């Protein structure tokens, strides 16, 4: 049987912060594949993680969120300090570790080109908001 992992791959990076059951699952799957599960954010402060993300020049937009927790107005907006304050006021995990919201990273120092969302709209489905993007461009 051919390996599912390309030759030379020794590990996979995950963004788990504190959900033990997910960490256990990725470690089991990676163990079965013979690679290492790398968890660089594990155990860190969620506020520190998101503040560093913003301060380091990375950009992300909110592409989905639980509609009972996060207002429609945030869908398609950038993750910034105002969003962090909004989450704190509502007692929502700042990094969305429990699936409260999800993002798309569109730019940062390690990107060659920015992803520009040109046309999009928020839609509702199954108690979630989703960003329906119909047009985007890769910038300079």
Protein backbone atom coordinates (compact mmCIF):
# COMPACT_ATOMS: atom_id res chain seq x y z
CA UNK A 1 0.00 0.00 0.00
CA UNK A 2 1.30 3.44 -0.97
CA UNK A 3 1.86 5.91 1.89
CA UNK A 4 -0.58 8.82 2.21
CA UNK A 5 2.26 11.07 3.33
CA UNK A 6 4.73 12.39 0.73
CA UNK A 7 8.35 11.35 1.15
CA UNK A 8 10.26 13.58 3.56
CA UNK A 9 7.24 14.84 5.50
CA UNK A 10 7.92 14.38 9.19
CA UNK A 11 5.06 16.29 10.81
CA UNK A 12 1.94 18.38 10.45
CA UNK A 13 1.16 21.68 12.18
CA UNK A 14 -2.16 22.27 13.96
CA UNK A 15 -3.63 25.37 15.60
CA UNK A 16 -5.23 23.80 18.65
CA UNK A 17 -5.02 25.87 21.82
CA UNK A 18 -6.79 24.00 24.61
CA UNK A 19 -9.29 21.41 23.35
CA UNK A 20 -7.72 18.21 24.64
CA UNK A 21 -10.02 15.86 22.70
CA UNK A 22 -8.94 17.44 19.40
CA UNK A 23 -5.27 17.33 20.37
CA UNK A 24 -5.66 13.64 21.27
CA UNK A 25 -7.32 12.97 17.90
CA UNK A 26 -4.62 14.68 15.79
CA UNK A 27 -1.88 12.96 17.76
CA UNK A 28 -3.55 9.58 17.18
CA UNK A 29 -4.01 10.20 13.44
CA UNK A 30 -0.49 11.53 13.02
CA UNK A 31 0.84 8.58 15.02
CA UNK A 32 -1.00 6.19 12.70
CA UNK A 33 0.61 7.99 9.74
CA UNK A 34 4.06 7.89 11.32
CA UNK A 35 4.46 11.67 11.55
CA UNK A 36 4.62 14.15 14.42
CA UNK A 37 1.70 16.39 15.43
CA UNK A 38 3.11 19.88 16.00
CA UNK A 39 1.00 22.15 18.25
CA UNK A 40 2.82 25.51 18.55
CA UNK A 41 -0.16 27.35 20.10
CA UNK A 42 -1.01 24.70 22.67
CA UNK A 43 -1.59 26.17 26.14
CA UNK A 44 -1.01 29.79 25.14
CA UNK A 45 -3.33 32.66 26.05
CA UNK A 46 -5.99 33.16 23.39
CA UNK A 47 -5.79 36.93 23.81
CA UNK A 48 -2.01 36.81 23.35
CA UNK A 49 -2.37 34.64 20.22
CA UNK A 50 -4.89 36.92 18.48
CA UNK A 51 -3.13 40.12 19.55
CA UNK A 52 0.15 38.81 18.13
CA UNK A 53 -1.61 37.76 14.91
CA UNK A 54 -2.93 41.30 14.42
CA UNK A 55 0.21 43.09 15.63
CA UNK A 56 2.43 40.97 13.34
CA UNK A 57 0.56 42.28 10.28
CA UNK A 58 -1.50 39.25 9.40
CA UNK A 59 -4.97 39.92 8.03
CA UNK A 60 -8.00 37.66 8.17
CA UNK A 61 -11.71 38.06 7.47
CA UNK A 62 -14.54 36.34 9.29
CA UNK A 63 -16.05 33.81 6.87
CA UNK A 64 -18.45 31.94 9.15
CA UNK A 65 -19.92 32.30 12.63
CA UNK A 66 -22.60 30.87 14.85
CA UNK A 67 -25.53 33.22 14.26
CA UNK A 68 -26.71 33.00 17.88
CA UNK A 69 -23.36 34.36 19.07
CA UNK A 70 -21.98 36.71 16.43
CA UNK A 71 -23.89 39.40 14.53
CA UNK A 72 -24.22 39.25 10.74
CA UNK A 73 -22.40 42.61 10.47
CA UNK A 74 -19.10 40.92 11.33
CA UNK A 75 -19.21 38.49 8.41
CA UNK A 76 -16.67 39.61 5.80
CA UNK A 77 -14.99 42.08 8.16
CA UNK A 78 -11.35 41.95 9.20
CA UNK A 79 -10.30 40.45 12.48
CA UNK A 80 -9.00 43.42 14.45
CA UNK A 81 -8.87 44.86 17.96
CA UNK A 82 -12.52 46.00 17.69
CA UNK A 83 -13.54 42.40 16.95
CA UNK A 84 -11.53 41.22 19.95
CA UNK A 85 -13.34 43.72 22.18
CA UNK A 86 -16.70 42.62 20.76
CA UNK A 87 -15.88 38.98 21.58
CA UNK A 88 -14.79 39.91 25.11
CA UNK A 89 -18.00 41.87 25.76
CA UNK A 90 -20.04 38.86 24.67
CA UNK A 91 -17.83 36.36 26.60
CA UNK A 92 -16.95 34.50 23.40
CA UNK A 93 -13.62 32.71 23.10
CA UNK A 94 -11.31 35.23 21.41
CA UNK A 95 -9.80 32.66 19.06
CA UNK A 96 -13.08 30.84 18.36
CA UNK A 97 -11.58 27.62 19.70
CA UNK A 98 -15.06 26.16 20.21
CA UNK A 99 -16.14 26.85 16.62
CA UNK A 100 -17.77 30.21 17.37
CA UNK A 101 -16.30 31.66 14.17
CA UNK A 102 -13.88 30.83 11.35
CA UNK A 103 -11.60 33.00 9.26
CA UNK A 104 -9.73 33.18 5.99
CA UNK A 105 -6.24 34.66 6.16
CA UNK A 106 -5.98 37.08 3.25
CA UNK A 107 -2.62 38.77 3.75
CA UNK A 108 0.49 38.97 5.86
CA UNK A 109 4.25 39.34 5.79
CA UNK A 110 4.73 35.76 4.54
CA UNK A 111 2.28 36.17 1.61
CA UNK A 112 3.52 37.03 -1.86
CA UNK A 113 0.14 38.46 -2.83
CA UNK A 114 -2.97 39.59 -0.96
CA UNK A 115 -6.32 37.90 -1.54
CA UNK A 116 -8.81 40.70 -2.21
CA UNK A 117 -12.47 39.80 -1.74
CA UNK A 118 -14.26 41.86 -4.38
CA UNK A 119 -17.86 40.63 -4.19
CA UNK A 120 -19.35 38.74 -1.28
CA UNK A 121 -22.40 38.61 0.94
CA UNK A 122 -23.42 37.06 4.22
CA UNK A 123 -25.88 34.18 3.98
CA UNK A 124 -27.59 32.22 6.73
CA UNK A 125 -27.70 28.42 6.84
CA UNK A 126 -28.27 26.00 9.72
CA UNK A 127 -27.80 28.63 12.47
CA UNK A 128 -24.53 29.90 10.95
CA UNK A 129 -23.55 32.94 8.97
CA UNK A 130 -21.35 32.23 5.96
CA UNK A 131 -19.49 34.59 3.65
CA UNK A 132 -20.53 33.73 0.10
CA UNK A 133 -17.68 35.08 -2.02
CA UNK A 134 -18.51 35.39 -5.70
CA UNK A 135 -15.45 37.31 -6.86
CA UNK A 136 -11.91 37.76 -5.61
CA UNK A 137 -8.54 38.83 -7.02
CA UNK A 138 -4.94 38.28 -6.12
CA UNK A 139 -3.33 41.65 -5.48
CA UNK A 140 0.26 42.81 -5.71
